[in-house]
């Protein structure tokens, strides 16, 4: 029974296909006629455009049926918000264009909200609920920490000063050793000359 129904439907489509094609061509001429600035330059086919839109819709909705149902149920709320924001100056098609123009932003926001929902248990965990008490217990340590940072800075400058002094002393000792080495070498030469 289902096969005869589908055969009848296919036969009806085949019979009416030339009529549909003529009507579609007339519609394309009317929609994309001379009023369309790019009509002369580009070939435009409503069927191709509709197939492309259908493919994009199927790809976008794949695996997101529940999200689509949720969004569809909230469409009235969105429409109410758009009426308040735009003061009723927008037609439904313009509202749809605004929503579609922000598609990527809406997708990103939905993903962010999903991530927040997944991390809600972490944010509401017992560890974070005790955070105010922990902060209160750490507040008395702030002056001590600042004092230690200041002492550390002072010690660091003292260490740099001592290191510079150490390097200077090493330089002076090196110069003295070089001078003593030259003096001893000169004395050894003189002694060799006396002995020779």
C-alpha atoms as a PDB file:
ATOM      1  CA  UNK A   1       0.000   0.000   0.000  1.00  0.00           C
ATOM      2  CA  UNK A   2       2.832   2.358   0.840  1.00  0.00           C
ATOM      3  CA  UNK A   3       4.610   1.482  -2.405  1.00  0.00           C
ATOM      4  CA  UNK A   4       1.538   2.297  -4.545  1.00  0.00           C
ATOM      5  CA  UNK A   5       1.159   5.609  -2.693  1.00  0.00           C
ATOM      6  CA  UNK A   6       4.790   6.481  -3.324  1.00  0.00           C
ATOM      7  CA  UNK A   7       4.462   5.393  -6.982  1.00  0.00           C
ATOM      8  CA  UNK A   8       1.407   7.640  -7.383  1.00  0.00           C
ATOM      9  CA  UNK A   9       3.332  10.516  -5.832  1.00  0.00           C
ATOM     10  CA  UNK A  10       6.325   9.955  -8.134  1.00  0.00           C
ATOM     11  CA  UNK A  11       4.013   9.809 -11.155  1.00  0.00           C
ATOM     12  CA  UNK A  12       2.318  13.063 -10.082  1.00  0.00           C
ATOM     13  CA  UNK A  13       5.709  14.721  -9.647  1.00  0.00           C
ATOM     14  CA  UNK A  14       6.888  13.501 -13.057  1.00  0.00           C
ATOM     15  CA  UNK A  15       3.669  14.740 -14.672  1.00  0.00           C
ATOM     16  CA  UNK A  16       3.889  18.163 -13.065  1.00  0.00           C
ATOM     17  CA  UNK A  17       7.679  18.610 -13.291  1.00  0.00           C
ATOM     18  CA  UNK A  18       7.629  20.659 -16.535  1.00  0.00           C
ATOM     19  CA  UNK A  19       4.941  22.896 -15.041  1.00  0.00           C
ATOM     20  CA  UNK A  20       7.019  23.380 -11.864  1.00  0.00           C
ATOM     21  CA  UNK A  21      10.141  24.148 -13.904  1.00  0.00           C
ATOM     22  CA  UNK A  22       8.296  26.780 -15.974  1.00  0.00           C
ATOM     23  CA  UNK A  23       6.835  28.377 -12.864  1.00  0.00           C
ATOM     24  CA  UNK A  24      10.250  28.341 -11.165  1.00  0.00           C
ATOM     25  CA  UNK A  25      11.894  29.937 -14.216  1.00  0.00           C
ATOM     26  CA  UNK A  26       9.202  32.646 -14.231  1.00  0.00           C
ATOM     27  CA  UNK A  27       9.740  33.206 -10.526  1.00  0.00           C
ATOM     28  CA  UNK A  28      13.516  33.452 -11.020  1.00  0.00           C
ATOM     29  CA  UNK A  29      13.017  35.996 -13.799  1.00  0.00           C
ATOM     30  CA  UNK A  30      10.673  38.006 -11.603  1.00  0.00           C
ATOM     31  CA  UNK A  31      12.878  37.865  -8.513  1.00  0.00           C
ATOM     32  CA  UNK A  32      16.264  38.163 -10.226  1.00  0.00           C
ATOM     33  CA  UNK A  33      15.316  40.176 -13.270  1.00  0.00           C
ATOM     34  CA  UNK A  34      16.819  43.512 -14.274  1.00  0.00           C
ATOM     35  CA  UNK A  35      16.138  44.905 -10.770  1.00  0.00           C
ATOM     36  CA  UNK A  36      18.902  42.675  -9.456  1.00  0.00           C
ATOM     37  CA  UNK A  37      22.269  44.464 -10.131  1.00  0.00           C
ATOM     38  CA  UNK A  38      24.245  41.243 -10.434  1.00  0.00           C
ATOM     39  CA  UNK A  39      21.664  39.430 -12.542  1.00  0.00           C
ATOM     40  CA  UNK A  40      23.473  40.031 -15.799  1.00  0.00           C
ATOM     41  CA  UNK A  41      26.830  39.026 -14.362  1.00  0.00           C
ATOM     42  CA  UNK A  42      25.931  35.882 -12.412  1.00  0.00           C
ATOM     43  CA  UNK A  43      23.710  32.930 -13.115  1.00  0.00           C
ATOM     44  CA  UNK A  44      21.273  32.553 -10.273  1.00  0.00           C
ATOM     45  CA  UNK A  45      19.228  29.481  -9.622  1.00  0.00           C
ATOM     46  CA  UNK A  46      16.676  29.313  -6.839  1.00  0.00           C
ATOM     47  CA  UNK A  47      16.868  25.531  -6.839  1.00  0.00           C
ATOM     48  CA  UNK A  48      20.632  25.571  -6.337  1.00  0.00           C
ATOM     49  CA  UNK A  49      20.299  28.177  -3.615  1.00  0.00           C
ATOM     50  CA  UNK A  50      17.533  26.200  -1.878  1.00  0.00           C
ATOM     51  CA  UNK A  51      19.561  22.973  -2.096  1.00  0.00           C
ATOM     52  CA  UNK A  52      22.553  24.792  -0.637  1.00  0.00           C
ATOM     53  CA  UNK A  53      20.469  26.242   2.189  1.00  0.00           C
ATOM     54  CA  UNK A  54      18.901  22.828   2.854  1.00  0.00           C
ATOM     55  CA  UNK A  55      22.349  21.187   3.022  1.00  0.00           C
ATOM     56  CA  UNK A  56      23.616  23.865   5.412  1.00  0.00           C
ATOM     57  CA  UNK A  57      20.521  23.526   7.591  1.00  0.00           C
ATOM     58  CA  UNK A  58      20.911  19.741   7.751  1.00  0.00           C
ATOM     59  CA  UNK A  59      24.611  20.067   8.605  1.00  0.00           C
ATOM     60  CA  UNK A  60      23.908  22.684  11.267  1.00  0.00           C
ATOM     61  CA  UNK A  61      21.091  20.701  12.842  1.00  0.00           C
ATOM     62  CA  UNK A  62      22.876  17.340  12.760  1.00  0.00           C
ATOM     63  CA  UNK A  63      23.079  16.083  16.325  1.00  0.00           C
ATOM     64  CA  UNK A  64      21.504  19.268  17.681  1.00  0.00           C
ATOM     65  CA  UNK A  65      17.824  18.369  17.533  1.00  0.00           C
ATOM     66  CA  UNK A  66      17.339  18.941  21.266  1.00  0.00           C
ATOM     67  CA  UNK A  67      19.038  22.347  21.067  1.00  0.00           C
ATOM     68  CA  UNK A  68      16.832  23.290  18.114  1.00  0.00           C
ATOM     69  CA  UNK A  69      13.692  22.290  20.040  1.00  0.00           C
ATOM     70  CA  UNK A  70      14.859  24.342  23.023  1.00  0.00           C
ATOM     71  CA  UNK A  71      15.653  27.346  20.815  1.00  0.00           C
ATOM     72  CA  UNK A  72      12.315  27.007  19.029  1.00  0.00           C
ATOM     73  CA  UNK A  73      10.497  26.966  22.366  1.00  0.00           C
ATOM     74  CA  UNK A  74      12.320  30.146  23.363  1.00  0.00           C
ATOM     75  CA  UNK A  75      11.561  31.902  20.080  1.00  0.00           C
ATOM     76  CA  UNK A  76       8.573  33.705  21.612  1.00  0.00           C
ATOM     77  CA  UNK A  77      10.802  35.059  24.374  1.00  0.00           C
ATOM     78  CA  UNK A  78      13.370  36.174  21.801  1.00  0.00           C
ATOM     79  CA  UNK A  79      10.626  37.806  19.736  1.00  0.00           C
ATOM     80  CA  UNK A  80       9.397  39.672  22.821  1.00  0.00           C
ATOM     81  CA  UNK A  81      12.943  40.841  23.545  1.00  0.00           C
ATOM     82  CA  UNK A  82      13.401  41.984  19.931  1.00  0.00           C
ATOM     83  CA  UNK A  83      10.132  43.942  20.138  1.00  0.00           C
ATOM     84  CA  UNK A  84      11.326  45.706  23.282  1.00  0.00           C
ATOM     85  CA  UNK A  85      14.793  46.452  21.884  1.00  0.00           C
ATOM     86  CA  UNK A  86      13.719  47.505  18.415  1.00  0.00           C
ATOM     87  CA  UNK A  87      10.466  49.189  19.485  1.00  0.00           C
ATOM     88  CA  UNK A  88       8.442  47.261  16.919  1.00  0.00           C
ATOM     89  CA  UNK A  89      10.204  48.908  13.956  1.00  0.00           C
ATOM     90  CA  UNK A  90      11.473  45.657  12.456  1.00  0.00           C
ATOM     91  CA  UNK A  91       9.638  43.171  10.300  1.00  0.00           C
ATOM     92  CA  UNK A  92       9.895  39.463  11.039  1.00  0.00           C
ATOM     93  CA  UNK A  93      12.265  38.932   8.111  1.00  0.00           C
ATOM     94  CA  UNK A  94      14.618  41.643   9.382  1.00  0.00           C
ATOM     95  CA  UNK A  95      14.528  40.091  12.853  1.00  0.00           C
ATOM     96  CA  UNK A  96      15.397  36.727  11.312  1.00  0.00           C
ATOM     97  CA  UNK A  97      18.268  38.366   9.409  1.00  0.00           C
ATOM     98  CA  UNK A  98      19.584  39.891  12.648  1.00  0.00           C
ATOM     99  CA  UNK A  99      19.454  36.508  14.359  1.00  0.00           C
ATOM    100  CA  UNK A 100      21.101  34.730  11.412  1.00  0.00           C
ATOM    101  CA  UNK A 101      23.809  37.398  11.164  1.00  0.00           C
ATOM    102  CA  UNK A 102      24.719  36.668  14.775  1.00  0.00           C
ATOM    103  CA  UNK A 103      24.681  32.888  14.208  1.00  0.00           C
ATOM    104  CA  UNK A 104      28.369  32.347  15.040  1.00  0.00           C
ATOM    105  CA  UNK A 105      28.107  34.512  18.151  1.00  0.00           C
ATOM    106  CA  UNK A 106      24.998  32.629  19.255  1.00  0.00           C
ATOM    107  CA  UNK A 107      26.741  29.274  18.660  1.00  0.00           C
ATOM    108  CA  UNK A 108      29.779  30.407  20.655  1.00  0.00           C
ATOM    109  CA  UNK A 109      27.570  31.687  23.457  1.00  0.00           C
ATOM    110  CA  UNK A 110      25.635  28.413  23.509  1.00  0.00           C
ATOM    111  CA  UNK A 111      28.896  26.456  23.764  1.00  0.00           C
ATOM    112  CA  UNK A 112      30.101  28.731  26.562  1.00  0.00           C
ATOM    113  CA  UNK A 113      26.811  28.286  28.405  1.00  0.00           C
ATOM    114  CA  UNK A 114      27.070  24.505  27.978  1.00  0.00           C
ATOM    115  CA  UNK A 115      30.597  24.615  29.418  1.00  0.00           C
ATOM    116  CA  UNK A 116      29.329  26.683  32.360  1.00  0.00           C
ATOM    117  CA  UNK A 117      26.532  24.164  32.884  1.00  0.00           C
ATOM    118  CA  UNK A 118      29.020  21.300  32.879  1.00  0.00           C
ATOM    119  CA  UNK A 119      31.273  23.108  35.379  1.00  0.00           C
ATOM    120  CA  UNK A 120      28.382  24.175  37.601  1.00  0.00           C
ATOM    121  CA  UNK A 121      29.073  21.345  40.048  1.00  0.00           C
ATOM    122  CA  UNK A 122      32.678  22.534  40.375  1.00  0.00           C
ATOM    123  CA  UNK A 123      31.634  26.123  41.012  1.00  0.00           C
ATOM    124  CA  UNK A 124      29.006  25.046  43.548  1.00  0.00           C
ATOM    125  CA  UNK A 125      31.320  22.556  45.247  1.00  0.00           C
ATOM    126  CA  UNK A 126      31.925  22.493  48.984  1.00  0.00           C
ATOM    127  CA  UNK A 127      35.525  23.611  48.528  1.00  0.00           C
ATOM    128  CA  UNK A 128      34.495  26.856  46.868  1.00  0.00           C
ATOM    129  CA  UNK A 129      31.641  27.475  49.279  1.00  0.00           C
ATOM    130  CA  UNK A 130      34.213  27.728  52.094  1.00  0.00           C
ATOM    131  CA  UNK A 131      36.272  30.222  50.092  1.00  0.00           C
ATOM    132  CA  UNK A 132      35.058  33.352  51.979  1.00  0.00           C
ATOM    133  CA  UNK A 133      36.190  31.867  55.312  1.00  0.00           C
ATOM    134  CA  UNK A 134      39.548  30.961  53.798  1.00  0.00           C
ATOM    135  CA  UNK A 135      39.975  34.479  52.435  1.00  0.00           C
ATOM    136  CA  UNK A 136      39.083  35.893  55.848  1.00  0.00           C
ATOM    137  CA  UNK A 137      41.720  33.679  57.493  1.00  0.00           C
ATOM    138  CA  UNK A 138      44.352  34.846  54.990  1.00  0.00           C
ATOM    139  CA  UNK A 139      43.677  38.586  55.411  1.00  0.00           C
ATOM    140  CA  UNK A 140      45.772  38.882  58.602  1.00  0.00           C
ATOM    141  CA  UNK A 141      48.716  37.419  56.676  1.00  0.00           C
ATOM    142  CA  UNK A 142      48.722  40.216  54.092  1.00  0.00           C
ATOM    143  CA  UNK A 143      50.742  42.713  56.213  1.00  0.00           C
ATOM    144  CA  UNK A 144      53.196  39.956  57.124  1.00  0.00           C
ATOM    145  CA  UNK A 145      53.571  39.042  53.469  1.00  0.00           C
ATOM    146  CA  UNK A 146      54.156  42.661  52.467  1.00  0.00           C
ATOM    147  CA  UNK A 147      56.740  43.023  55.247  1.00  0.00           C
ATOM    148  CA  UNK A 148      58.508  39.869  54.041  1.00  0.00           C
ATOM    149  CA  UNK A 149      58.490  41.135  50.451  1.00  0.00           C
ATOM    150  CA  UNK A 150      60.084  44.382  51.621  1.00  0.00           C
ATOM    151  CA  UNK A 151      62.724  42.485  53.643  1.00  0.00           C
ATOM    152  CA  UNK A 152      63.406  40.256  50.650  1.00  0.00           C
ATOM    153  CA  UNK A 153      63.919  43.322  48.460  1.00  0.00           C
ATOM    154  CA  UNK A 154      66.320  44.799  51.019  1.00  0.00           C
ATOM    155  CA  UNK A 155      68.221  41.511  51.304  1.00  0.00           C
ATOM    156  CA  UNK A 156      68.395  41.256  47.537  1.00  0.00           C
ATOM    157  CA  UNK A 157      69.935  44.723  47.250  1.00  0.00           C
ATOM    158  CA  UNK A 158      72.389  43.817  50.078  1.00  0.00           C
ATOM    159  CA  UNK A 159      73.352  40.612  48.252  1.00  0.00           C
ATOM    160  CA  UNK A 160      73.944  42.558  45.020  1.00  0.00           C
ATOM    161  CA  UNK A 161      76.098  45.065  46.924  1.00  0.00           C
ATOM    162  CA  UNK A 162      78.100  42.261  48.589  1.00  0.00           C
ATOM    163  CA  UNK A 163      78.527  40.485  45.256  1.00  0.00           C
ATOM    164  CA  UNK A 164      79.850  43.696  43.663  1.00  0.00           C
ATOM    165  CA  UNK A 165      82.273  44.129  46.591  1.00  0.00           C
ATOM    166  CA  UNK A 166      83.378  40.488  46.275  1.00  0.00           C
ATOM    167  CA  UNK A 167      83.987  40.909  42.541  1.00  0.00           C
ATOM    168  CA  UNK A 168      86.000  44.097  43.214  1.00  0.00           C
ATOM    169  CA  UNK A 169      88.133  42.365  45.874  1.00  0.00           C
ATOM    170  CA  UNK A 170      88.752  39.436  43.506  1.00  0.00           C
ATOM    171  CA  UNK A 171      89.823  41.872  40.802  1.00  0.00           C
ATOM    172  CA  UNK A 172      92.257  43.609  43.170  1.00  0.00           C
ATOM    173  CA  UNK A 173      93.691  40.263  44.364  1.00  0.00           C
ATOM    174  CA  UNK A 174      94.117  39.129  40.766  1.00  0.00           C
ATOM    175  CA  UNK A 175      95.999  42.326  39.928  1.00  0.00           C
ATOM    176  CA  UNK A 176      98.224  41.852  43.012  1.00  0.00           C
ATOM    177  CA  UNK A 177      98.943  38.221  42.083  1.00  0.00           C
ATOM    178  CA  UNK A 178      99.837  39.268  38.542  1.00  0.00           C
ATOM    179  CA  UNK A 179     102.171  41.978  39.945  1.00  0.00           C
ATOM    180  CA  UNK A 180     103.717  39.521  42.433  1.00  0.00           C
ATOM    181  CA  UNK A 181     104.148  36.921  39.683  1.00  0.00           C
ATOM    182  CA  UNK A 182     105.952  39.461  37.508  1.00  0.00           C
ATOM    183  CA  UNK A 183     108.129  40.534  40.484  1.00  0.00           C
ATOM    184  CA  UNK A 184     109.034  36.906  41.364  1.00  0.00           C
ATOM    185  CA  UNK A 185     109.727  36.127  37.715  1.00  0.00           C
ATOM    186  CA  UNK A 186     112.043  39.163  37.531  1.00  0.00           C
ATOM    187  CA  UNK A 187     113.853  38.071  40.702  1.00  0.00           C
ATOM    188  CA  UNK A 188     114.255  34.516  39.333  1.00  0.00           C
ATOM    189  CA  UNK A 189     115.732  35.905  36.089  1.00  0.00           C
ATOM    190  CA  UNK A 190     118.161  38.052  38.031  1.00  0.00           C
ATOM    191  CA  UNK A 191     119.170  35.083  40.204  1.00  0.00           C
ATOM    192  CA  UNK A 192     119.751  32.915  37.085  1.00  0.00           C
ATOM    193  CA  UNK A 193     121.903  35.644  35.579  1.00  0.00           C
ATOM    194  CA  UNK A 194     124.006  35.840  38.765  1.00  0.00           C
ATOM    195  CA  UNK A 195     124.420  32.070  38.849  1.00  0.00           C
ATOM    196  CA  UNK A 196     125.334  31.835  35.212  1.00  0.00           C
END
